[in-house]
PDB file of N, CA and C in Angstrom:
ATOM      1  N   MET A   1    -224.056 -96.211 -15.292  1.00  0.00           N
ATOM      2  CA  MET A   1    -224.231 -95.517 -16.646  1.00  0.00           C
ATOM      3  C   MET A   1    -224.333 -96.179 -18.029  1.00  0.00           C
ATOM      4  N   GLU A   2    -225.356 -95.944 -18.758  1.00  0.00           N
ATOM      5  CA  GLU A   2    -225.917 -96.272 -19.961  1.00  0.00           C
ATOM      6  C   GLU A   2    -224.557 -96.866 -20.810  1.00  0.00           C
ATOM      7  N   PHE A   3    -224.841 -98.353 -21.097  1.00  0.00           N
ATOM      8  CA  PHE A   3    -223.304 -98.818 -21.992  1.00  0.00           C
ATOM      9  C   PHE A   3    -223.793 -97.926 -23.258  1.00  0.00           C
ATOM     10  N   LYS A   4    -222.497 -97.233 -24.136  1.00  0.00           N
ATOM     11  CA  LYS A   4    -222.280 -96.967 -25.481  1.00  0.00           C
ATOM     12  C   LYS A   4    -221.247 -97.660 -26.361  1.00  0.00           C
ATOM     13  N   ALA A   5    -221.594 -97.935 -27.216  1.00  0.00           N
ATOM     14  CA  ALA A   5    -220.444 -98.185 -28.212  1.00  0.00           C
ATOM     15  C   ALA A   5    -220.465 -97.470 -29.519  1.00  0.00           C
ATOM     16  N   LEU A   6    -219.606 -96.257 -29.613  1.00  0.00           N
ATOM     17  CA  LEU A   6    -219.988 -95.323 -31.117  1.00  0.00           C
ATOM     18  C   LEU A   6    -218.314 -96.159 -31.626  1.00  0.00           C
ATOM     19  N   PHE A   7    -218.753 -96.795 -33.257  1.00  0.00           N
ATOM     20  CA  PHE A   7    -218.298 -96.878 -34.400  1.00  0.00           C
ATOM     21  C   PHE A   7    -217.575 -95.758 -35.597  1.00  0.00           C
ATOM     22  N   SER A   8    -216.470 -95.726 -35.804  1.00  0.00           N
ATOM     23  CA  SER A   8    -216.205 -94.736 -36.581  1.00  0.00           C
ATOM     24  C   SER A   8    -215.032 -95.368 -37.657  1.00  0.00           C
ATOM     25  N   THR A   9    -214.607 -94.762 -38.879  1.00  0.00           N
ATOM     26  CA  THR A   9    -213.732 -95.725 -39.626  1.00  0.00           C
ATOM     27  C   THR A   9    -212.503 -94.206 -39.883  1.00  0.00           C
ATOM     28  N   THR A  10    -211.353 -94.448 -40.292  1.00  0.00           N
ATOM     29  CA  THR A  10    -210.613 -93.309 -40.844  1.00  0.00           C
ATOM     30  C   THR A  10    -209.112 -93.691 -41.498  1.00  0.00           C
ATOM     31  N   LYS A  11    -209.288 -93.787 -42.955  1.00  0.00           N
ATOM     32  CA  LYS A  11    -208.321 -94.495 -43.703  1.00  0.00           C
ATOM     33  C   LYS A  11    -208.282 -96.314 -43.195  1.00  0.00           C
ATOM     34  N   SER A  12    -207.226 -96.554 -42.619  1.00  0.00           N
ATOM     35  CA  SER A  12    -207.329 -97.935 -42.353  1.00  0.00           C
ATOM     36  C   SER A  12    -207.585 -98.199 -40.931  1.00  0.00           C
ATOM     37  N   THR A  13    -207.992 -97.395 -40.101  1.00  0.00           N
ATOM     38  CA  THR A  13    -208.783 -97.709 -38.522  1.00  0.00           C
ATOM     39  C   THR A  13    -209.627 -97.751 -38.297  1.00  0.00           C
ATOM     40  N   ALA A  14    -210.196 -98.773 -37.641  1.00  0.00           N
ATOM     41  CA  ALA A  14    -211.576 -99.118 -37.234  1.00  0.00           C
ATOM     42  C   ALA A  14    -211.454 -98.222 -35.975  1.00  0.00           C
ATOM     43  N   LYS A  15    -212.553 -97.620 -35.504  1.00  0.00           N
ATOM     44  CA  LYS A  15    -212.528 -97.174 -34.223  1.00  0.00           C
ATOM     45  C   LYS A  15    -213.594 -97.140 -33.186  1.00  0.00           C
ATOM     46  N   ILE A  16    -213.854 -98.018 -32.247  1.00  0.00           N
ATOM     47  CA  ILE A  16    -214.865 -98.311 -31.060  1.00  0.00           C
ATOM     48  C   ILE A  16    -214.007 -97.291 -30.081  1.00  0.00           C
ATOM     49  N   ILE A  17    -215.581 -96.404 -29.334  1.00  0.00           N
ATOM     50  CA  ILE A  17    -215.480 -95.456 -28.455  1.00  0.00           C
ATOM     51  C   ILE A  17    -216.345 -96.340 -27.332  1.00  0.00           C
ATOM     52  N   LEU A  18    -215.971 -97.053 -26.166  1.00  0.00           N
ATOM     53  CA  LEU A  18    -217.084 -97.847 -25.248  1.00  0.00           C
ATOM     54  C   LEU A  18    -217.023 -96.557 -23.865  1.00  0.00           C
ATOM     55  N   SER A  19    -218.271 -96.483 -23.431  1.00  0.00           N
ATOM     56  CA  SER A  19    -218.565 -96.379 -22.310  1.00  0.00           C
ATOM     57  C   SER A  19    -219.377 -96.967 -21.592  1.00  0.00           C
ATOM     58  N   GLY A  20    -219.751 -96.558 -20.391  1.00  0.00           N
ATOM     59  CA  GLY A  20    -220.647 -97.397 -19.369  1.00  0.00           C
ATOM     60  C   GLY A  20    -220.055 -98.679 -18.709  1.00  0.00           C
ATOM     61  N   GLU A  21    -220.869 -99.875 -18.790  1.00  0.00           N
ATOM     62  CA  GLU A  21    -220.692-100.570 -18.182  1.00  0.00           C
ATOM     63  C   GLU A  21    -220.842-102.091 -19.000  1.00  0.00           C
ATOM     64  N   LEU A  22    -220.171-102.800 -19.677  1.00  0.00           N
ATOM     65  CA  LEU A  22    -219.596-103.830 -20.427  1.00  0.00           C
ATOM     66  C   LEU A  22    -220.158-105.294 -19.708  1.00  0.00           C
ATOM     67  N   ASN A  23    -221.261-105.689 -19.971  1.00  0.00           N
ATOM     68  CA  ASN A  23    -221.228-106.632 -19.183  1.00  0.00           C
ATOM     69  C   ASN A  23    -222.694-107.698 -20.025  1.00  0.00           C
ATOM     70  N   ALA A  24    -223.261-108.744 -19.323  1.00  0.00           N
ATOM     71  CA  ALA A  24    -223.948-109.852 -20.310  1.00  0.00           C
ATOM     72  C   ALA A  24    -225.284-108.847 -21.369  1.00  0.00           C
ATOM     73  N   SER A  25    -225.311-108.156 -20.719  1.00  0.00           N
ATOM     74  CA  SER A  25    -226.593-107.719 -21.384  1.00  0.00           C
ATOM     75  C   SER A  25    -225.910-106.456 -22.361  1.00  0.00           C
ATOM     76  N   THR A  26    -225.208-106.140 -22.069  1.00  0.00           N
ATOM     77  CA  THR A  26    -224.837-105.111 -23.122  1.00  0.00           C
ATOM     78  C   THR A  26    -223.487-105.895 -24.180  1.00  0.00           C
ATOM     79  N   ALA A  27    -222.823-106.860 -23.912  1.00  0.00           N
ATOM     80  CA  ALA A  27    -222.156-107.072 -24.801  1.00  0.00           C
ATOM     81  C   ALA A  27    -222.651-107.424 -26.392  1.00  0.00           C
ATOM     82  N   SER A  28    -223.627-107.825 -26.638  1.00  0.00           N
ATOM     83  CA  SER A  28    -224.351-107.754 -27.780  1.00  0.00           C
ATOM     84  C   SER A  28    -223.757-106.611 -28.610  1.00  0.00           C
ATOM     85  N   THR A  29    -224.184-105.718 -28.518  1.00  0.00           N
ATOM     86  CA  THR A  29    -224.105-104.177 -28.489  1.00  0.00           C
ATOM     87  C   THR A  29    -222.199-104.198 -29.273  1.00  0.00           C
ATOM     88  N   PHE A  30    -221.450-104.404 -28.339  1.00  0.00           N
ATOM     89  CA  PHE A  30    -220.297-104.266 -28.547  1.00  0.00           C
ATOM     90  C   PHE A  30    -219.726-105.280 -29.593  1.00  0.00           C
ATOM     91  N   LYS A  31    -220.245-106.499 -29.530  1.00  0.00           N
ATOM     92  CA  LYS A  31    -220.256-107.857 -30.798  1.00  0.00           C
ATOM     93  C   LYS A  31    -220.874-106.898 -31.909  1.00  0.00           C
ATOM     94  N   THR A  32    -221.997-106.341 -32.039  1.00  0.00           N
ATOM     95  CA  THR A  32    -221.950-105.677 -33.563  1.00  0.00           C
ATOM     96  C   THR A  32    -221.434-104.593 -34.051  1.00  0.00           C
ATOM     97  N   GLU A  33    -220.877-103.711 -32.938  1.00  0.00           N
ATOM     98  CA  GLU A  33    -219.712-102.819 -33.449  1.00  0.00           C
ATOM     99  C   GLU A  33    -218.533-103.631 -34.124  1.00  0.00           C
ATOM    100  N   VAL A  34    -218.124-104.730 -33.519  1.00  0.00           N
ATOM    101  CA  VAL A  34    -216.868-105.446 -33.684  1.00  0.00           C
ATOM    102  C   VAL A  34    -217.266-106.060 -35.485  1.00  0.00           C
ATOM    103  N   GLU A  35    -218.351-106.537 -35.344  1.00  0.00           N
ATOM    104  CA  GLU A  35    -218.678-107.062 -36.532  1.00  0.00           C
ATOM    105  C   GLU A  35    -218.571-105.914 -38.034  1.00  0.00           C
ATOM    106  N   LYS A  36    -219.117-105.370 -37.404  1.00  0.00           N
ATOM    107  CA  LYS A  36    -218.812-103.694 -38.454  1.00  0.00           C
ATOM    108  C   LYS A  36    -217.757-103.597 -38.752  1.00  0.00           C
ATOM    109  N   ALA A  37    -216.850-103.691 -38.045  1.00  0.00           N
ATOM    110  CA  ALA A  37    -215.188-102.920 -38.062  1.00  0.00           C
ATOM    111  C   ALA A  37    -214.662-103.874 -38.975  1.00  0.00           C
ATOM    112  N   ALA A  38    -214.878-105.277 -38.622  1.00  0.00           N
ATOM    113  CA  ALA A  38    -214.550-106.474 -39.129  1.00  0.00           C
ATOM    114  C   ALA A  38    -214.662-106.216 -40.586  1.00  0.00           C
ATOM    115  N   ALA A  39    -215.856-106.270 -41.111  1.00  0.00           N
ATOM    116  CA  ALA A  39    -216.208-106.027 -42.377  1.00  0.00           C
ATOM    117  C   ALA A  39    -215.607-105.135 -43.245  1.00  0.00           C
ATOM    118  N   ILE A  40    -214.567-103.841 -43.009  1.00  0.00           N
ATOM    119  CA  ILE A  40    -214.251-103.418 -43.492  1.00  0.00           C
ATOM    120  C   ILE A  40    -212.692-103.370 -43.626  1.00  0.00           C
ATOM    121  N   ASN A  41    -212.442-104.607 -43.207  1.00  0.00           N
ATOM    122  CA  ASN A  41    -211.055-105.053 -43.171  1.00  0.00           C
ATOM    123  C   ASN A  41    -210.028-103.988 -42.959  1.00  0.00           C
ATOM    124  N   PRO A  42    -210.093-103.475 -41.702  1.00  0.00           N
ATOM    125  CA  PRO A  42    -208.890-102.523 -41.429  1.00  0.00           C
ATOM    126  C   PRO A  42    -207.633-103.389 -41.410  1.00  0.00           C
ATOM    127  N   GLN A  43    -206.730-102.065 -41.333  1.00  0.00           N
ATOM    128  CA  GLN A  43    -205.521-102.762 -40.590  1.00  0.00           C
ATOM    129  C   GLN A  43    -205.411-102.546 -39.086  1.00  0.00           C
ATOM    130  N   ARG A  44    -205.875-102.025 -38.457  1.00  0.00           N
ATOM    131  CA  ARG A  44    -206.045-101.891 -37.107  1.00  0.00           C
ATOM    132  C   ARG A  44    -207.133-101.825 -36.685  1.00  0.00           C
ATOM    133  N   LEU A  45    -207.357-101.942 -35.237  1.00  0.00           N
ATOM    134  CA  LEU A  45    -208.903-101.881 -34.458  1.00  0.00           C
ATOM    135  C   LEU A  45    -208.514-101.020 -33.227  1.00  0.00           C
ATOM    136  N   VAL A  46    -208.895 -99.948 -33.107  1.00  0.00           N
ATOM    137  CA  VAL A  46    -208.688 -99.053 -31.920  1.00  0.00           C
ATOM    138  C   VAL A  46    -209.768 -98.902 -31.166  1.00  0.00           C
ATOM    139  N   LEU A  47    -209.892 -99.574 -29.573  1.00  0.00           N
ATOM    140  CA  LEU A  47    -210.738 -99.621 -29.006  1.00  0.00           C
ATOM    141  C   LEU A  47    -210.449 -98.772 -27.428  1.00  0.00           C
ATOM    142  N   VAL A  48    -211.180 -97.588 -27.594  1.00  0.00           N
ATOM    143  CA  VAL A  48    -210.990 -96.347 -26.583  1.00  0.00           C
ATOM    144  C   VAL A  48    -211.994 -96.593 -25.186  1.00  0.00           C
ATOM    145  N   MET A  49    -211.407 -96.843 -24.093  1.00  0.00           N
ATOM    146  CA  MET A  49    -211.967 -97.399 -22.979  1.00  0.00           C
ATOM    147  C   MET A  49    -211.840 -96.416 -21.988  1.00  0.00           C
ATOM    148  N   LYS A  50    -211.862 -95.051 -21.980  1.00  0.00           N
ATOM    149  CA  LYS A  50    -211.406 -94.113 -21.042  1.00  0.00           C
ATOM    150  C   LYS A  50    -212.865 -93.982 -20.067  1.00  0.00           C
ATOM    151  N   ASP A  51    -213.929 -94.387 -21.001  1.00  0.00           N
ATOM    152  CA  ASP A  51    -215.118 -93.943 -20.065  1.00  0.00           C
ATOM    153  C   ASP A  51    -215.986 -95.501 -20.265  1.00  0.00           C
ATOM    154  N   LEU A  52    -215.262 -96.261 -20.437  1.00  0.00           N
ATOM    155  CA  LEU A  52    -215.897 -97.751 -20.075  1.00  0.00           C
ATOM    156  C   LEU A  52    -215.284 -98.250 -18.164  1.00  0.00           C
ATOM    157  N   GLU A  53    -216.162 -97.823 -17.612  1.00  0.00           N
ATOM    158  CA  GLU A  53    -216.732 -98.178 -15.900  1.00  0.00           C
ATOM    159  C   GLU A  53    -215.924 -99.234 -15.688  1.00  0.00           C
ATOM    160  N   TYR A  54    -216.346-100.637 -16.460  1.00  0.00           N
ATOM    161  CA  TYR A  54    -216.759-101.526 -15.704  1.00  0.00           C
ATOM    162  C   TYR A  54    -216.672-102.949 -17.313  1.00  0.00           C
ATOM    163  N   MET A  55    -216.280-103.865 -16.939  1.00  0.00           N
ATOM    164  CA  MET A  55    -216.152-104.875 -17.879  1.00  0.00           C
ATOM    165  C   MET A  55    -216.508-106.444 -17.419  1.00  0.00           C
ATOM    166  N   ALA A  56    -217.775-106.606 -17.444  1.00  0.00           N
ATOM    167  CA  ALA A  56    -217.789-108.533 -16.586  1.00  0.00           C
ATOM    168  C   ALA A  56    -217.060-109.578 -17.950  1.00  0.00           C
ATOM    169  N   SER A  57    -216.978-110.433 -17.772  1.00  0.00           N
ATOM    170  CA  SER A  57    -216.257-111.593 -18.680  1.00  0.00           C
ATOM    171  C   SER A  57    -216.960-111.540 -19.882  1.00  0.00           C
ATOM    172  N   ALA A  58    -218.218-110.835 -20.146  1.00  0.00           N
ATOM    173  CA  ALA A  58    -218.896-111.084 -21.243  1.00  0.00           C
ATOM    174  C   ALA A  58    -217.819-110.303 -22.485  1.00  0.00           C
ATOM    175  N   GLY A  59    -217.907-109.315 -21.813  1.00  0.00           N
ATOM    176  CA  GLY A  59    -217.543-107.934 -22.497  1.00  0.00           C
ATOM    177  C   GLY A  59    -215.859-108.664 -23.248  1.00  0.00           C
ATOM    178  N   LEU A  60    -215.030-109.309 -22.335  1.00  0.00           N
ATOM    179  CA  LEU A  60    -213.800-109.587 -22.405  1.00  0.00           C
ATOM    180  C   LEU A  60    -213.689-111.223 -23.830  1.00  0.00           C
ATOM    181  N   ARG A  61    -215.166-111.674 -23.616  1.00  0.00           N
ATOM    182  CA  ARG A  61    -215.319-112.720 -24.435  1.00  0.00           C
ATOM    183  C   ARG A  61    -215.362-112.122 -25.883  1.00  0.00           C
ATOM    184  N   VAL A  62    -216.215-110.590 -25.989  1.00  0.00           N
ATOM    185  CA  VAL A  62    -215.870-110.147 -27.507  1.00  0.00           C
ATOM    186  C   VAL A  62    -214.872-109.796 -27.815  1.00  0.00           C
ATOM    187  N   LEU A  63    -214.126-109.200 -26.710  1.00  0.00           N
ATOM    188  CA  LEU A  63    -212.507-108.747 -27.209  1.00  0.00           C
ATOM    189  C   LEU A  63    -211.874-109.866 -27.972  1.00  0.00           C
ATOM    190  N   ILE A  64    -211.988-111.032 -26.585  1.00  0.00           N
ATOM    191  CA  ILE A  64    -211.654-112.328 -27.414  1.00  0.00           C
ATOM    192  C   ILE A  64    -212.225-112.458 -29.534  1.00  0.00           C
ATOM    193  N   PHE A  65    -213.128-112.405 -29.325  1.00  0.00           N
ATOM    194  CA  PHE A  65    -213.945-112.836 -30.566  1.00  0.00           C
ATOM    195  C   PHE A  65    -213.252-111.523 -31.574  1.00  0.00           C
ATOM    196  N   ALA A  66    -213.328-110.237 -31.106  1.00  0.00           N
ATOM    197  CA  ALA A  66    -212.494-109.125 -32.174  1.00  0.00           C
ATOM    198  C   ALA A  66    -211.039-109.672 -32.640  1.00  0.00           C
ATOM    199  N   LYS A  67    -210.175-110.348 -31.953  1.00  0.00           N
ATOM    200  CA  LYS A  67    -209.073-110.789 -31.984  1.00  0.00           C
ATOM    201  C   LYS A  67    -209.539-111.583 -33.262  1.00  0.00           C
ATOM    202  N   GLN A  68    -209.968-112.947 -32.722  1.00  0.00           N
ATOM    203  CA  GLN A  68    -210.417-114.008 -33.667  1.00  0.00           C
ATOM    204  C   GLN A  68    -211.022-113.459 -35.070  1.00  0.00           C
ATOM    205  N   LYS A  69    -211.877-112.617 -35.031  1.00  0.00           N
ATOM    206  CA  LYS A  69    -212.553-112.269 -36.361  1.00  0.00           C
ATOM    207  C   LYS A  69    -211.246-111.109 -37.133  1.00  0.00           C
ATOM    208  N   MET A  70    -210.905-110.270 -36.451  1.00  0.00           N
ATOM    209  CA  MET A  70    -209.755-109.485 -37.428  1.00  0.00           C
ATOM    210  C   MET A  70    -209.105-110.554 -37.572  1.00  0.00           C
ATOM    211  N   GLY A  71    -208.419-111.273 -36.839  1.00  0.00           N
ATOM    212  CA  GLY A  71    -206.778-111.862 -37.832  1.00  0.00           C
ATOM    213  C   GLY A  71    -205.984-111.566 -36.757  1.00  0.00           C
ATOM    214  N   MET A  72    -204.733-112.271 -37.574  1.00  0.00           N
ATOM    215  CA  MET A  72    -203.449-112.126 -36.828  1.00  0.00           C
ATOM    216  C   MET A  72    -203.030-110.710 -37.878  1.00  0.00           C
ATOM    217  N   ASN A  73    -203.258-110.324 -38.350  1.00  0.00           N
ATOM    218  CA  ASN A  73    -202.718-109.121 -39.634  1.00  0.00           C
ATOM    219  C   ASN A  73    -203.131-107.957 -38.978  1.00  0.00           C
ATOM    220  N   VAL A  74    -204.146-107.732 -38.234  1.00  0.00           N
ATOM    221  CA  VAL A  74    -204.641-106.480 -37.814  1.00  0.00           C
ATOM    222  C   VAL A  74    -204.337-106.522 -36.436  1.00  0.00           C
ATOM    223  N   ASP A  75    -203.832-105.149 -35.780  1.00  0.00           N
ATOM    224  CA  ASP A  75    -203.352-104.815 -34.833  1.00  0.00           C
ATOM    225  C   ASP A  75    -204.453-104.228 -33.571  1.00  0.00           C
ATOM    226  N   ILE A  76    -204.455-104.489 -32.610  1.00  0.00           N
ATOM    227  CA  ILE A  76    -205.720-103.739 -31.762  1.00  0.00           C
ATOM    228  C   ILE A  76    -204.941-103.319 -30.770  1.00  0.00           C
ATOM    229  N   TYR A  77    -205.527-101.880 -30.434  1.00  0.00           N
ATOM    230  CA  TYR A  77    -205.083-100.936 -29.656  1.00  0.00           C
ATOM    231  C   TYR A  77    -206.503-101.090 -28.627  1.00  0.00           C
ATOM    232  N   ILE A  78    -206.052-101.047 -27.185  1.00  0.00           N
ATOM    233  CA  ILE A  78    -206.639-100.462 -26.344  1.00  0.00           C
ATOM    234  C   ILE A  78    -206.047 -99.097 -25.517  1.00  0.00           C
ATOM    235  N   VAL A  79    -206.715 -98.379 -25.835  1.00  0.00           N
ATOM    236  CA  VAL A  79    -206.576 -96.767 -25.581  1.00  0.00           C
ATOM    237  C   VAL A  79    -207.359 -96.359 -23.995  1.00  0.00           C
ATOM    238  N   SER A  80    -206.271 -96.018 -23.061  1.00  0.00           N
ATOM    239  CA  SER A  80    -207.264 -95.290 -21.734  1.00  0.00           C
ATOM    240  C   SER A  80    -208.130 -96.436 -20.717  1.00  0.00           C
ATOM    241  N   PRO A  81    -207.658 -97.711 -20.732  1.00  0.00           N
ATOM    242  CA  PRO A  81    -208.666 -98.685 -20.009  1.00  0.00           C
ATOM    243  C   PRO A  81    -208.595 -98.212 -18.536  1.00  0.00           C
ATOM    244  N   GLN A  82    -209.663 -97.870 -17.779  1.00  0.00           N
ATOM    245  CA  GLN A  82    -209.630 -97.360 -15.973  1.00  0.00           C
ATOM    246  C   GLN A  82    -209.280 -98.900 -15.676  1.00  0.00           C
ATOM    247  N   GLU A  83    -208.686 -98.426 -14.625  1.00  0.00           N
ATOM    248  CA  GLU A  83    -207.501 -99.536 -13.408  1.00  0.00           C
ATOM    249  C   GLU A  83    -208.484-100.912 -13.447  1.00  0.00           C
ATOM    250  N   MET A  84    -209.942-100.708 -13.175  1.00  0.00           N
ATOM    251  CA  MET A  84    -210.900-102.075 -12.754  1.00  0.00           C
ATOM    252  C   MET A  84    -210.814-102.423 -14.789  1.00  0.00           C
ATOM    253  N   VAL A  85    -210.810-102.279 -15.480  1.00  0.00           N
ATOM    254  CA  VAL A  85    -211.171-102.685 -16.702  1.00  0.00           C
ATOM    255  C   VAL A  85    -209.707-103.838 -17.143  1.00  0.00           C
ATOM    256  N   MET A  86    -208.760-102.801 -16.695  1.00  0.00           N
ATOM    257  CA  MET A  86    -207.171-103.210 -17.274  1.00  0.00           C
ATOM    258  C   MET A  86    -206.591-104.577 -16.151  1.00  0.00           C
ATOM    259  N   ASP A  87    -207.476-104.606 -14.809  1.00  0.00           N
ATOM    260  CA  ASP A  87    -207.335-105.238 -14.219  1.00  0.00           C
ATOM    261  C   ASP A  87    -207.793-106.722 -15.013  1.00  0.00           C
ATOM    262  N   THR A  88    -208.866-106.661 -15.109  1.00  0.00           N
ATOM    263  CA  THR A  88    -209.716-107.693 -15.916  1.00  0.00           C
ATOM    264  C   THR A  88    -208.748-108.210 -17.191  1.00  0.00           C
ATOM    265  N   ILE A  89    -208.498-107.416 -18.219  1.00  0.00           N
ATOM    266  CA  ILE A  89    -207.633-107.660 -19.032  1.00  0.00           C
ATOM    267  C   ILE A  89    -206.109-108.383 -18.770  1.00  0.00           C
ATOM    268  N   LYS A  90    -205.722-108.013 -17.709  1.00  0.00           N
ATOM    269  CA  LYS A  90    -204.524-108.598 -17.376  1.00  0.00           C
ATOM    270  C   LYS A  90    -204.593-110.006 -16.708  1.00  0.00           C
ATOM    271  N   LYS A  91    -205.672-110.009 -15.682  1.00  0.00           N
ATOM    272  CA  LYS A  91    -205.782-111.282 -15.167  1.00  0.00           C
ATOM    273  C   LYS A  91    -205.830-112.519 -15.945  1.00  0.00           C
ATOM    274  N   THR A  92    -206.551-111.957 -17.311  1.00  0.00           N
ATOM    275  CA  THR A  92    -206.851-113.093 -18.640  1.00  0.00           C
ATOM    276  C   THR A  92    -205.621-113.400 -19.364  1.00  0.00           C
ATOM    277  N   GLY A  93    -204.817-112.785 -19.086  1.00  0.00           N
ATOM    278  CA  GLY A  93    -203.318-112.348 -20.144  1.00  0.00           C
ATOM    279  C   GLY A  93    -203.800-111.897 -21.525  1.00  0.00           C
ATOM    280  N   PHE A  94    -204.672-111.307 -21.299  1.00  0.00           N
ATOM    281  CA  PHE A  94    -205.207-110.832 -22.867  1.00  0.00           C
ATOM    282  C   PHE A  94    -204.434-109.744 -23.039  1.00  0.00           C
ATOM    283  N   HIS A  95    -204.081-109.047 -22.718  1.00  0.00           N
ATOM    284  CA  HIS A  95    -202.837-107.833 -22.477  1.00  0.00           C
ATOM    285  C   HIS A  95    -201.659-108.685 -23.393  1.00  0.00           C
ATOM    286  N   HIS A  96    -201.189-109.551 -23.440  1.00  0.00           N
ATOM    287  CA  HIS A  96    -200.328-109.980 -23.990  1.00  0.00           C
ATOM    288  C   HIS A  96    -200.716-110.052 -25.592  1.00  0.00           C
ATOM    289  N   SER A  97    -202.052-109.818 -26.129  1.00  0.00           N
ATOM    290  CA  SER A  97    -202.487-109.940 -27.498  1.00  0.00           C
ATOM    291  C   SER A  97    -202.565-108.946 -27.899  1.00  0.00           C
ATOM    292  N   VAL A  98    -202.676-107.662 -27.308  1.00  0.00           N
ATOM    293  CA  VAL A  98    -203.116-106.623 -27.946  1.00  0.00           C
ATOM    294  C   VAL A  98    -202.172-105.649 -27.331  1.00  0.00           C
ATOM    295  N   SER A  99    -202.014-103.654 -28.182  1.00  0.00           N
ATOM    296  CA  SER A  99    -201.175-103.253 -27.347  1.00  0.00           C
ATOM    297  C   SER A  99    -201.760-101.992 -26.648  1.00  0.00           C
ATOM    298  N   ILE A 100    -201.477-101.949 -25.289  1.00  0.00           N
ATOM    299  CA  ILE A 100    -202.278-100.732 -24.456  1.00  0.00           C
ATOM    300  C   ILE A 100    -201.788 -99.784 -24.687  1.00  0.00           C
ATOM    301  N   MET A 101    -202.387 -98.444 -24.969  1.00  0.00           N
ATOM    302  CA  MET A 101    -201.622 -97.070 -25.003  1.00  0.00           C
ATOM    303  C   MET A 101    -202.639 -96.390 -24.109  1.00  0.00           C
ATOM    304  N   ASP A 102    -201.922 -95.246 -23.530  1.00  0.00           N
ATOM    305  CA  ASP A 102    -202.057 -94.213 -22.250  1.00  0.00           C
ATOM    306  C   ASP A 102    -203.087 -93.184 -23.417  1.00  0.00           C
ATOM    307  N   ASN A 103    -202.833 -92.585 -24.655  1.00  0.00           N
ATOM    308  CA  ASN A 103    -203.547 -91.753 -25.298  1.00  0.00           C
ATOM    309  C   ASN A 103    -203.324 -92.921 -26.764  1.00  0.00           C
ATOM    310  N   TYR A 104    -204.395 -91.776 -27.809  1.00  0.00           N
ATOM    311  CA  TYR A 104    -204.622 -91.991 -29.058  1.00  0.00           C
ATOM    312  C   TYR A 104    -204.380 -91.273 -29.762  1.00  0.00           C
ATOM    313  N   ASP A 105    -203.070 -91.394 -30.511  1.00  0.00           N
ATOM    314  CA  ASP A 105    -202.950 -90.019 -31.605  1.00  0.00           C
ATOM    315  C   ASP A 105    -203.143 -90.439 -33.021  1.00  0.00           C
ATOM    316  N   ALA A 106    -204.300 -90.523 -33.805  1.00  0.00           N
ATOM    317  CA  ALA A 106    -204.456 -90.985 -35.098  1.00  0.00           C
ATOM    318  C   ALA A 106    -203.275 -91.093 -36.250  1.00  0.00           C
ATOM    319  N   ASP A 107    -202.451 -89.684 -36.168  1.00  0.00           N
ATOM    320  CA  ASP A 107    -201.454 -89.486 -37.297  1.00  0.00           C
ATOM    321  C   ASP A 107    -200.619 -90.501 -36.784  1.00  0.00           C
ATOM    322  N   LYS A 108    -200.193 -91.045 -35.740  1.00  0.00           N
ATOM    323  CA  LYS A 108    -199.220 -91.590 -35.494  1.00  0.00           C
ATOM    324  C   LYS A 108    -199.536 -93.096 -36.077  1.00  0.00           C
ATOM    325  N   LEU A 109    -200.423 -93.297 -35.593  1.00  0.00           N
ATOM    326  CA  LEU A 109    -200.974 -94.774 -36.320  1.00  0.00           C
ATOM    327  C   LEU A 109    -201.384 -94.872 -37.966  1.00  0.00           C
ATOM    328  N   GLU A 110    -201.731 -94.171 -38.974  1.00  0.00           N
ATOM    329  CA  GLU A 110    -202.550 -94.199 -40.012  1.00  0.00           C
ATOM    330  C   GLU A 110    -201.015 -94.359 -40.791  1.00  0.00           C
ATOM    331  N   VAL A 111    -200.951 -94.982 -41.554  1.00  0.00           N
ATOM    332  CA  VAL A 111    -199.890 -95.117 -42.795  1.00  0.00           C
ATOM    333  C   VAL A 111    -200.508 -94.803 -44.064  1.00  0.00           C
TER     334      VAL A 111
END
């Protein structure tokens, strides 16, 4: 499945919807969207991963980059990760640095 990263914003939230396979050849696309998100100085970054089928270490590096680029005051939410993707996140301990959610409700997160 082709990788896609769709960026949008609402109030103080940057959201990126990821789908397909996030690997070394597609990680730069994700990084570009993270840079767009960081440029608006959001309070939170929401990464919707329900249709992300696979994430290689290159994708994980972009997640780490996102955490560093956004800074300590920005909350990062990972929404609906598939089991294989969640396994990758947990093996590295990155799940301790973000909030994992089953569903995304913008009304509950927006200030």
